[in-house]
Amino acid sequence: MMQGRGMPGSMMGGPGRRMMGWFSPEDMNAFIDAHIAAIHAGLKLNADQEKLWPPVESAMRNLATLHLGHMQAMRETPRMMTGDPVGMLRAVADRMSQGADAMRKLADAASPLYATLDEAQKRRLQVLVRMGSRAMMGRRMMGPGMMGSGGGMMDDDDEDSP
């Protein structure tokens, strides 16, 4: 087994969490870049909308990077998870607070852009966000889609819709 990489079953959780063990930090950053690029390309923004994209991209990247950092920290401190349950609760609470702050920032950044999207762009956004975040890291690992409910860009109440 290579240093820094695990076998598919090496991490607790669903298939997406096990998959994390297969990829290096560089791989995961490449997937983040690809996911953001796919959303951007799929939206086919007009010139006025393009001006609103940079803060959305930055907030998406910050949220994804924060999440990857949290996953890496959990991999590096597995004993804390079992040996210090109170410490684990505090660490998880801190990560959840940081994630909530990052999601609020994404919602704030995305709101002006989302307000300008037409129905076709909104429909494509729903598909692109769900496909990308689930394929990249497993279902719900970044919350309800990178820009799902709580993230500001789309409604994620209906799990079976595209």
N, C-alpha and C. Protein backbone atom coordinates (compact mmCIF):
# COMPACT_ATOMS: atom_id res chain seq x y z
N MET A 1 0.85 -1.17 0.00
CA MET A 1 0.00 0.00 0.00
C MET A 1 0.89 1.23 0.00
N MET A 2 0.55 2.24 -0.77
CA MET A 2 1.35 3.44 -0.86
C MET A 2 1.12 4.33 0.34
N GLN A 3 2.14 5.07 0.77
CA GLN A 3 2.04 6.01 1.87
C GLN A 3 0.99 7.06 1.53
N GLY A 4 0.09 7.37 2.48
CA GLY A 4 -0.89 8.40 2.27
C GLY A 4 -2.13 7.96 1.50
N ARG A 5 -2.16 6.71 1.11
CA ARG A 5 -3.33 6.21 0.37
C ARG A 5 -3.80 4.94 1.04
N GLY A 6 -5.09 4.75 1.06
CA GLY A 6 -5.63 3.57 1.71
C GLY A 6 -6.32 2.68 0.71
N MET A 7 -6.72 1.55 1.21
CA MET A 7 -7.52 0.65 0.40
C MET A 7 -8.97 1.10 0.49
N PRO A 8 -9.83 0.66 -0.40
CA PRO A 8 -11.20 1.15 -0.43
C PRO A 8 -11.94 1.02 0.89
N GLY A 9 -11.70 0.01 1.65
CA GLY A 9 -12.44 -0.15 2.90
C GLY A 9 -11.73 0.42 4.10
N SER A 10 -10.71 1.23 3.91
CA SER A 10 -9.88 1.67 5.01
C SER A 10 -10.50 2.75 5.86
N MET A 11 -11.53 3.41 5.39
CA MET A 11 -12.15 4.46 6.18
C MET A 11 -13.58 4.08 6.52
N MET A 12 -14.04 4.56 7.66
CA MET A 12 -15.42 4.29 8.04
C MET A 12 -16.36 5.06 7.13
N GLY A 13 -17.58 4.60 7.00
CA GLY A 13 -18.58 5.35 6.25
C GLY A 13 -18.92 4.69 4.94
N GLY A 14 -19.65 5.43 4.12
CA GLY A 14 -20.14 4.93 2.85
C GLY A 14 -19.07 4.90 1.79
N PRO A 15 -19.46 4.57 0.56
CA PRO A 15 -18.51 4.40 -0.52
C PRO A 15 -17.69 5.65 -0.78
N GLY A 16 -18.28 6.83 -0.67
CA GLY A 16 -17.54 8.06 -0.91
C GLY A 16 -16.44 8.25 0.10
N ARG A 17 -16.69 7.92 1.34
CA ARG A 17 -15.66 8.06 2.37
C ARG A 17 -14.55 7.07 2.15
N ARG A 18 -14.86 5.85 1.78
CA ARG A 18 -13.82 4.87 1.50
C ARG A 18 -12.99 5.32 0.30
N MET A 19 -13.63 5.92 -0.68
CA MET A 19 -12.95 6.37 -1.88
C MET A 19 -11.91 7.43 -1.54
N MET A 20 -12.16 8.24 -0.51
CA MET A 20 -11.22 9.28 -0.14
C MET A 20 -9.84 8.70 0.11
N GLY A 21 -9.75 7.48 0.63
CA GLY A 21 -8.47 6.87 0.91
C GLY A 21 -7.66 6.56 -0.33
N TRP A 22 -8.29 6.51 -1.47
CA TRP A 22 -7.60 6.19 -2.72
C TRP A 22 -6.88 7.39 -3.31
N PHE A 23 -7.28 8.59 -2.96
CA PHE A 23 -6.81 9.78 -3.65
C PHE A 23 -5.89 10.63 -2.78
N SER A 24 -4.88 11.18 -3.42
CA SER A 24 -3.96 12.09 -2.76
C SER A 24 -4.62 13.46 -2.62
N PRO A 25 -4.07 14.34 -1.79
CA PRO A 25 -4.59 15.71 -1.72
C PRO A 25 -4.57 16.40 -3.08
N GLU A 26 -3.55 16.12 -3.88
CA GLU A 26 -3.47 16.71 -5.23
C GLU A 26 -4.63 16.22 -6.10
N ASP A 27 -4.94 14.92 -5.98
CA ASP A 27 -6.07 14.37 -6.72
C ASP A 27 -7.37 15.08 -6.31
N MET A 28 -7.57 15.20 -5.01
CA MET A 28 -8.80 15.80 -4.52
C MET A 28 -8.90 17.26 -4.96
N ASN A 29 -7.80 17.99 -4.95
CA ASN A 29 -7.82 19.37 -5.44
C ASN A 29 -8.15 19.42 -6.93
N ALA A 30 -7.65 18.45 -7.68
CA ALA A 30 -7.99 18.38 -9.11
C ALA A 30 -9.48 18.13 -9.31
N PHE A 31 -10.06 17.27 -8.46
CA PHE A 31 -11.49 17.01 -8.56
C PHE A 31 -12.30 18.26 -8.21
N ILE A 32 -11.85 19.00 -7.21
CA ILE A 32 -12.53 20.26 -6.86
C ILE A 32 -12.49 21.21 -8.05
N ASP A 33 -11.30 21.36 -8.64
CA ASP A 33 -11.17 22.24 -9.81
C ASP A 33 -12.11 21.80 -10.93
N ALA A 34 -12.17 20.49 -11.18
CA ALA A 34 -13.02 19.97 -12.26
C ALA A 34 -14.49 20.21 -11.96
N HIS A 35 -14.89 20.01 -10.72
CA HIS A 35 -16.29 20.20 -10.34
C HIS A 35 -16.69 21.66 -10.51
N ILE A 36 -15.85 22.57 -10.05
CA ILE A 36 -16.15 23.99 -10.19
C ILE A 36 -16.18 24.38 -11.66
N ALA A 37 -15.24 23.89 -12.44
CA ALA A 37 -15.20 24.20 -13.87
C ALA A 37 -16.44 23.65 -14.58
N ALA A 38 -16.89 22.47 -14.18
CA ALA A 38 -18.09 21.89 -14.80
C ALA A 38 -19.32 22.73 -14.50
N ILE A 39 -19.45 23.18 -13.28
CA ILE A 39 -20.59 24.04 -12.93
C ILE A 39 -20.53 25.32 -13.74
N HIS A 40 -19.36 25.93 -13.79
CA HIS A 40 -19.20 27.18 -14.53
C HIS A 40 -19.53 26.99 -16.01
N ALA A 41 -18.98 25.95 -16.61
CA ALA A 41 -19.23 25.70 -18.03
C ALA A 41 -20.70 25.37 -18.29
N GLY A 42 -21.29 24.56 -17.43
CA GLY A 42 -22.67 24.15 -17.63
C GLY A 42 -23.68 25.27 -17.47
N LEU A 43 -23.34 26.27 -16.68
CA LEU A 43 -24.27 27.39 -16.50
C LEU A 43 -24.36 28.28 -17.73
N LYS A 44 -23.29 28.30 -18.54
CA LYS A 44 -23.25 29.15 -19.74
C LYS A 44 -23.69 30.58 -19.39
N LEU A 45 -22.91 31.19 -18.51
CA LEU A 45 -23.23 32.52 -18.01
C LEU A 45 -23.07 33.57 -19.10
N ASN A 46 -23.94 34.59 -19.07
CA ASN A 46 -23.79 35.71 -19.98
C ASN A 46 -22.76 36.69 -19.38
N ALA A 47 -22.45 37.75 -20.10
CA ALA A 47 -21.39 38.67 -19.68
C ALA A 47 -21.69 39.30 -18.31
N ASP A 48 -22.93 39.68 -18.07
CA ASP A 48 -23.28 40.27 -16.77
C ASP A 48 -23.18 39.25 -15.65
N GLN A 49 -23.58 38.01 -15.92
CA GLN A 49 -23.49 36.96 -14.91
C GLN A 49 -22.04 36.58 -14.62
N GLU A 50 -21.19 36.61 -15.63
CA GLU A 50 -19.77 36.29 -15.45
C GLU A 50 -19.13 37.18 -14.39
N LYS A 51 -19.57 38.42 -14.31
CA LYS A 51 -19.02 39.35 -13.32
C LYS A 51 -19.36 38.91 -11.90
N LEU A 52 -20.43 38.14 -11.75
CA LEU A 52 -20.86 37.68 -10.43
C LEU A 52 -20.25 36.32 -10.05
N TRP A 53 -19.57 35.67 -10.98
CA TRP A 53 -19.03 34.32 -10.76
C TRP A 53 -17.83 34.26 -9.81
N PRO A 54 -16.84 35.15 -9.89
CA PRO A 54 -15.63 34.97 -9.07
C PRO A 54 -15.87 34.79 -7.57
N PRO A 55 -16.76 35.55 -6.92
CA PRO A 55 -16.97 35.30 -5.49
C PRO A 55 -17.62 33.94 -5.22
N VAL A 56 -18.44 33.46 -6.15
CA VAL A 56 -19.07 32.15 -5.99
C VAL A 56 -17.99 31.07 -6.09
N GLU A 57 -17.15 31.18 -7.09
CA GLU A 57 -16.07 30.20 -7.26
C GLU A 57 -15.17 30.19 -6.03
N SER A 58 -14.81 31.34 -5.55
CA SER A 58 -13.94 31.44 -4.38
C SER A 58 -14.59 30.79 -3.15
N ALA A 59 -15.86 31.06 -2.93
CA ALA A 59 -16.56 30.48 -1.78
C ALA A 59 -16.70 28.96 -1.92
N MET A 60 -16.96 28.49 -3.14
CA MET A 60 -17.03 27.04 -3.37
C MET A 60 -15.69 26.38 -3.08
N ARG A 61 -14.64 27.00 -3.57
CA ARG A 61 -13.29 26.46 -3.37
C ARG A 61 -12.94 26.46 -1.87
N ASN A 62 -13.28 27.53 -1.18
CA ASN A 62 -12.99 27.61 0.26
C ASN A 62 -13.74 26.53 1.04
N LEU A 63 -15.01 26.31 0.70
CA LEU A 63 -15.79 25.29 1.37
C LEU A 63 -15.22 23.90 1.11
N ALA A 64 -14.89 23.61 -0.13
CA ALA A 64 -14.34 22.30 -0.47
C ALA A 64 -12.98 22.08 0.19
N THR A 65 -12.14 23.11 0.19
CA THR A 65 -10.82 23.00 0.80
C THR A 65 -10.95 22.80 2.31
N LEU A 66 -11.86 23.50 2.93
CA LEU A 66 -12.10 23.32 4.37
C LEU A 66 -12.53 21.88 4.65
N HIS A 67 -13.44 21.37 3.84
CA HIS A 67 -13.90 20.00 4.03
C HIS A 67 -12.76 19.00 3.88
N LEU A 68 -11.94 19.18 2.86
CA LEU A 68 -10.80 18.27 2.67
C LEU A 68 -9.84 18.34 3.85
N GLY A 69 -9.63 19.53 4.37
CA GLY A 69 -8.78 19.68 5.55
C GLY A 69 -9.34 18.94 6.75
N HIS A 70 -10.66 19.02 6.92
CA HIS A 70 -11.30 18.30 8.01
C HIS A 70 -11.16 16.79 7.83
N MET A 71 -11.34 16.31 6.62
CA MET A 71 -11.21 14.88 6.36
C MET A 71 -9.77 14.42 6.64
N GLN A 72 -8.81 15.22 6.22
CA GLN A 72 -7.41 14.88 6.46
C GLN A 72 -7.12 14.85 7.96
N ALA A 73 -7.62 15.80 8.71
CA ALA A 73 -7.41 15.84 10.16
C ALA A 73 -8.01 14.60 10.82
N MET A 74 -9.17 14.18 10.36
CA MET A 74 -9.80 12.99 10.93
C MET A 74 -8.97 11.74 10.63
N ARG A 75 -8.39 11.68 9.43
CA ARG A 75 -7.55 10.53 9.08
C ARG A 75 -6.28 10.50 9.93
N GLU A 76 -5.76 11.66 10.26
CA GLU A 76 -4.50 11.73 10.98
C GLU A 76 -4.66 11.54 12.49
N THR A 77 -5.88 11.63 12.99
CA THR A 77 -6.09 11.50 14.44
C THR A 77 -7.17 10.48 14.76
N PRO A 78 -7.04 9.25 14.23
CA PRO A 78 -8.11 8.27 14.47
C PRO A 78 -8.23 7.87 15.94
N ARG A 79 -7.13 7.92 16.67
CA ARG A 79 -7.20 7.52 18.08
C ARG A 79 -8.04 8.48 18.89
N MET A 80 -8.00 9.75 18.53
CA MET A 80 -8.80 10.72 19.27
C MET A 80 -10.29 10.38 19.16
N MET A 81 -10.67 9.86 18.01
CA MET A 81 -12.08 9.54 17.80
C MET A 81 -12.56 8.44 18.74
N THR A 82 -11.68 7.50 19.08
CA THR A 82 -12.10 6.42 19.95
C THR A 82 -11.62 6.60 21.38
N GLY A 83 -10.47 7.26 21.59
CA GLY A 83 -9.89 7.37 22.92
C GLY A 83 -10.37 8.56 23.73
N ASP A 84 -10.91 9.56 23.10
CA ASP A 84 -11.35 10.77 23.80
C ASP A 84 -12.68 11.24 23.23
N PRO A 85 -13.78 10.61 23.66
CA PRO A 85 -15.07 10.96 23.07
C PRO A 85 -15.47 12.41 23.29
N VAL A 86 -15.11 13.00 24.41
CA VAL A 86 -15.46 14.41 24.65
C VAL A 86 -14.63 15.30 23.73
N GLY A 87 -13.36 15.00 23.59
CA GLY A 87 -12.52 15.75 22.66
C GLY A 87 -13.02 15.62 21.23
N MET A 88 -13.46 14.41 20.89
CA MET A 88 -14.00 14.19 19.55
C MET A 88 -15.24 15.05 19.33
N LEU A 89 -16.12 15.09 20.31
CA LEU A 89 -17.33 15.91 20.19
C LEU A 89 -16.98 17.38 19.98
N ARG A 90 -16.00 17.86 20.73
CA ARG A 90 -15.58 19.26 20.57
C ARG A 90 -14.98 19.51 19.18
N ALA A 91 -14.15 18.58 18.73
CA ALA A 91 -13.53 18.73 17.41
C ALA A 91 -14.58 18.72 16.31
N VAL A 92 -15.53 17.81 16.42
CA VAL A 92 -16.60 17.74 15.42
C VAL A 92 -17.44 19.02 15.46
N ALA A 93 -17.74 19.50 16.64
CA ALA A 93 -18.52 20.74 16.76
C ALA A 93 -17.78 21.91 16.13
N ASP A 94 -16.47 21.98 16.35
CA ASP A 94 -15.68 23.04 15.74
C ASP A 94 -15.71 22.94 14.22
N ARG A 95 -15.55 21.72 13.70
CA ARG A 95 -15.59 21.53 12.24
C ARG A 95 -16.96 21.89 11.68
N MET A 96 -18.01 21.52 12.40
CA MET A 96 -19.35 21.84 11.92
C MET A 96 -19.57 23.36 11.91
N SER A 97 -19.07 24.05 12.91
CA SER A 97 -19.20 25.51 12.94
C SER A 97 -18.44 26.15 11.78
N GLN A 98 -17.23 25.66 11.54
CA GLN A 98 -16.45 26.19 10.43
C GLN A 98 -17.15 25.92 9.10
N GLY A 99 -17.70 24.72 8.96
CA GLY A 99 -18.43 24.38 7.74
C GLY A 99 -19.67 25.24 7.56
N ALA A 100 -20.39 25.48 8.65
CA ALA A 100 -21.59 26.32 8.57
C ALA A 100 -21.21 27.73 8.15
N ASP A 101 -20.13 28.26 8.70
CA ASP A 101 -19.67 29.61 8.30
C ASP A 101 -19.32 29.64 6.82
N ALA A 102 -18.62 28.62 6.36
CA ALA A 102 -18.24 28.57 4.94
C ALA A 102 -19.47 28.44 4.05
N MET A 103 -20.47 27.68 4.48
CA MET A 103 -21.70 27.55 3.69
C MET A 103 -22.47 28.87 3.65
N ARG A 104 -22.48 29.60 4.78
CA ARG A 104 -23.13 30.92 4.78
C ARG A 104 -22.43 31.86 3.81
N LYS A 105 -21.11 31.81 3.79
CA LYS A 105 -20.36 32.65 2.86
C LYS A 105 -20.67 32.28 1.42
N LEU A 106 -20.82 30.99 1.15
CA LEU A 106 -21.20 30.55 -0.19
C LEU A 106 -22.60 31.05 -0.54
N ALA A 107 -23.52 30.95 0.40
CA ALA A 107 -24.88 31.43 0.16
C ALA A 107 -24.87 32.92 -0.13
N ASP A 108 -24.10 33.67 0.64
CA ASP A 108 -24.02 35.12 0.42
C ASP A 108 -23.41 35.44 -0.94
N ALA A 109 -22.38 34.70 -1.33
CA ALA A 109 -21.73 34.94 -2.62
C ALA A 109 -22.62 34.51 -3.78
N ALA A 110 -23.36 33.41 -3.60
CA ALA A 110 -24.16 32.85 -4.69
C ALA A 110 -25.48 33.58 -4.92
N SER A 111 -26.00 34.20 -3.90
CA SER A 111 -27.32 34.82 -4.01
C SER A 111 -27.46 35.81 -5.17
N PRO A 112 -26.53 36.75 -5.35
CA PRO A 112 -26.69 37.68 -6.49
C PRO A 112 -26.66 36.98 -7.84
N LEU A 113 -25.79 35.98 -7.99
CA LEU A 113 -25.73 35.25 -9.26
C LEU A 113 -27.00 34.44 -9.48
N TYR A 114 -27.43 33.73 -8.46
CA TYR A 114 -28.61 32.88 -8.60
C TYR A 114 -29.84 33.71 -9.01
N ALA A 115 -29.93 34.92 -8.50
CA ALA A 115 -31.06 35.79 -8.83
C ALA A 115 -31.12 36.14 -10.31
N THR A 116 -30.00 36.02 -11.02
CA THR A 116 -29.97 36.36 -12.44
C THR A 116 -30.13 35.14 -13.36
N LEU A 117 -30.08 33.92 -12.80
CA LEU A 117 -30.15 32.73 -13.64
C LEU A 117 -31.55 32.54 -14.20
N ASP A 118 -31.62 32.10 -15.46
CA ASP A 118 -32.91 31.75 -16.04
C ASP A 118 -33.27 30.32 -15.63
N GLU A 119 -34.45 29.88 -16.00
CA GLU A 119 -34.91 28.54 -15.58
C GLU A 119 -34.03 27.42 -16.11
N ALA A 120 -33.53 27.55 -17.32
CA ALA A 120 -32.66 26.51 -17.89
C ALA A 120 -31.34 26.44 -17.10
N GLN A 121 -30.79 27.57 -16.73
CA GLN A 121 -29.55 27.58 -15.94
C GLN A 121 -29.79 26.97 -14.55
N LYS A 122 -30.91 27.29 -13.95
CA LYS A 122 -31.23 26.73 -12.63
C LYS A 122 -31.38 25.21 -12.71
N ARG A 123 -32.01 24.75 -13.77
CA ARG A 123 -32.19 23.31 -13.95
C ARG A 123 -30.84 22.62 -14.13
N ARG A 124 -29.98 23.20 -14.96
CA ARG A 124 -28.64 22.63 -15.16
C ARG A 124 -27.82 22.68 -13.87
N LEU A 125 -27.98 23.74 -13.12
CA LEU A 125 -27.24 23.86 -11.86
C LEU A 125 -27.59 22.72 -10.91
N GLN A 126 -28.86 22.40 -10.81
CA GLN A 126 -29.27 21.30 -9.92
C GLN A 126 -28.58 20.00 -10.31
N VAL A 127 -28.55 19.72 -11.58
CA VAL A 127 -27.92 18.47 -12.04
C VAL A 127 -26.42 18.52 -11.83
N LEU A 128 -25.78 19.60 -12.20
CA LEU A 128 -24.33 19.71 -12.09
C LEU A 128 -23.85 19.63 -10.65
N VAL A 129 -24.54 20.28 -9.74
CA VAL A 129 -24.14 20.26 -8.34
C VAL A 129 -24.30 18.87 -7.77
N ARG A 130 -25.41 18.24 -8.03
CA ARG A 130 -25.64 16.90 -7.48
C ARG A 130 -24.68 15.88 -8.07
N MET A 131 -24.46 15.93 -9.37
CA MET A 131 -23.55 14.97 -10.01
C MET A 131 -22.13 15.17 -9.50
N GLY A 132 -21.68 16.38 -9.48
CA GLY A 132 -20.30 16.64 -9.13
C GLY A 132 -19.96 16.32 -7.70
N SER A 133 -20.76 16.78 -6.77
CA SER A 133 -20.40 16.55 -5.37
C SER A 133 -20.53 15.09 -4.99
N ARG A 134 -21.51 14.39 -5.53
CA ARG A 134 -21.68 12.97 -5.21
C ARG A 134 -20.63 12.11 -5.89
N ALA A 135 -20.29 12.44 -7.11
CA ALA A 135 -19.29 11.64 -7.81
C ALA A 135 -17.91 11.89 -7.23
N MET A 136 -17.65 13.15 -6.85
CA MET A 136 -16.32 13.50 -6.38
C MET A 136 -16.04 12.94 -4.99
N MET A 137 -16.97 13.06 -4.07
CA MET A 137 -16.67 12.71 -2.69
C MET A 137 -17.72 11.84 -2.03
N GLY A 138 -18.68 11.40 -2.77
CA GLY A 138 -19.72 10.59 -2.16
C GLY A 138 -20.88 11.48 -1.73
N ARG A 139 -22.01 10.89 -1.70
CA ARG A 139 -23.24 11.60 -1.43
C ARG A 139 -23.19 12.29 -0.07
N ARG A 140 -23.49 13.58 -0.07
CA ARG A 140 -23.64 14.40 1.11
C ARG A 140 -22.35 14.70 1.86
N MET A 141 -21.21 14.37 1.31
CA MET A 141 -19.99 14.64 2.07
C MET A 141 -19.69 16.13 2.14
N MET A 142 -20.18 16.90 1.23
CA MET A 142 -19.97 18.34 1.31
C MET A 142 -21.24 19.02 1.73
N GLY A 143 -22.11 18.34 2.41
CA GLY A 143 -23.40 18.90 2.76
C GLY A 143 -24.36 18.58 1.64
N PRO A 144 -25.51 19.22 1.65
CA PRO A 144 -26.51 18.94 0.63
C PRO A 144 -26.14 19.57 -0.70
N GLY A 145 -25.11 19.04 -1.32
CA GLY A 145 -24.61 19.62 -2.56
C GLY A 145 -23.76 20.83 -2.21
N MET A 146 -22.80 21.17 -3.05
CA MET A 146 -21.96 22.32 -2.72
C MET A 146 -22.79 23.57 -2.56
N MET A 147 -23.92 23.63 -3.23
CA MET A 147 -24.73 24.82 -3.12
C MET A 147 -26.18 24.43 -2.88
N GLY A 148 -26.41 23.37 -2.14
CA GLY A 148 -27.76 22.92 -1.84
C GLY A 148 -28.36 23.67 -0.68
N SER A 149 -29.48 23.18 -0.15
CA SER A 149 -30.15 23.87 0.93
C SER A 149 -29.15 24.08 2.05
N GLY A 150 -29.09 25.27 2.55
CA GLY A 150 -28.06 25.65 3.48
C GLY A 150 -26.88 26.25 2.75
N GLY A 151 -26.73 25.94 1.47
CA GLY A 151 -25.66 26.50 0.68
C GLY A 151 -26.13 27.61 -0.22
N GLY A 152 -27.41 27.76 -0.39
CA GLY A 152 -27.94 28.93 -1.03
C GLY A 152 -28.31 28.85 -2.49
N MET A 153 -27.81 27.91 -3.26
CA MET A 153 -28.06 27.97 -4.69
C MET A 153 -29.23 27.13 -5.16
N MET A 154 -29.58 26.07 -4.47
CA MET A 154 -30.64 25.23 -4.99
C MET A 154 -31.36 24.51 -3.88
N ASP A 155 -32.55 24.05 -4.14
CA ASP A 155 -33.35 23.31 -3.19
C ASP A 155 -32.98 21.84 -3.33
N ASP A 156 -32.68 21.17 -2.21
CA ASP A 156 -32.25 19.78 -2.25
C ASP A 156 -33.22 18.90 -1.48
N ASP A 157 -34.48 19.28 -1.45
CA ASP A 157 -35.46 18.51 -0.69
C ASP A 157 -35.84 17.20 -1.34
N ASP A 158 -35.89 17.17 -2.66
CA ASP A 158 -36.34 15.98 -3.36
C ASP A 158 -35.14 15.17 -3.82
N GLU A 159 -34.80 14.14 -3.09
CA GLU A 159 -33.61 13.35 -3.37
C GLU A 159 -33.66 12.62 -4.70
N ASP A 160 -34.83 12.30 -5.19
CA ASP A 160 -34.91 11.49 -6.39
C ASP A 160 -34.93 12.31 -7.67
N SER A 161 -35.07 13.63 -7.55
CA SER A 161 -35.10 14.43 -8.77
C SER A 161 -33.69 14.66 -9.26
N PRO A 162 -33.50 14.94 -10.57
CA PRO A 162 -32.14 15.13 -11.10
C PRO A 162 -31.49 16.38 -10.57
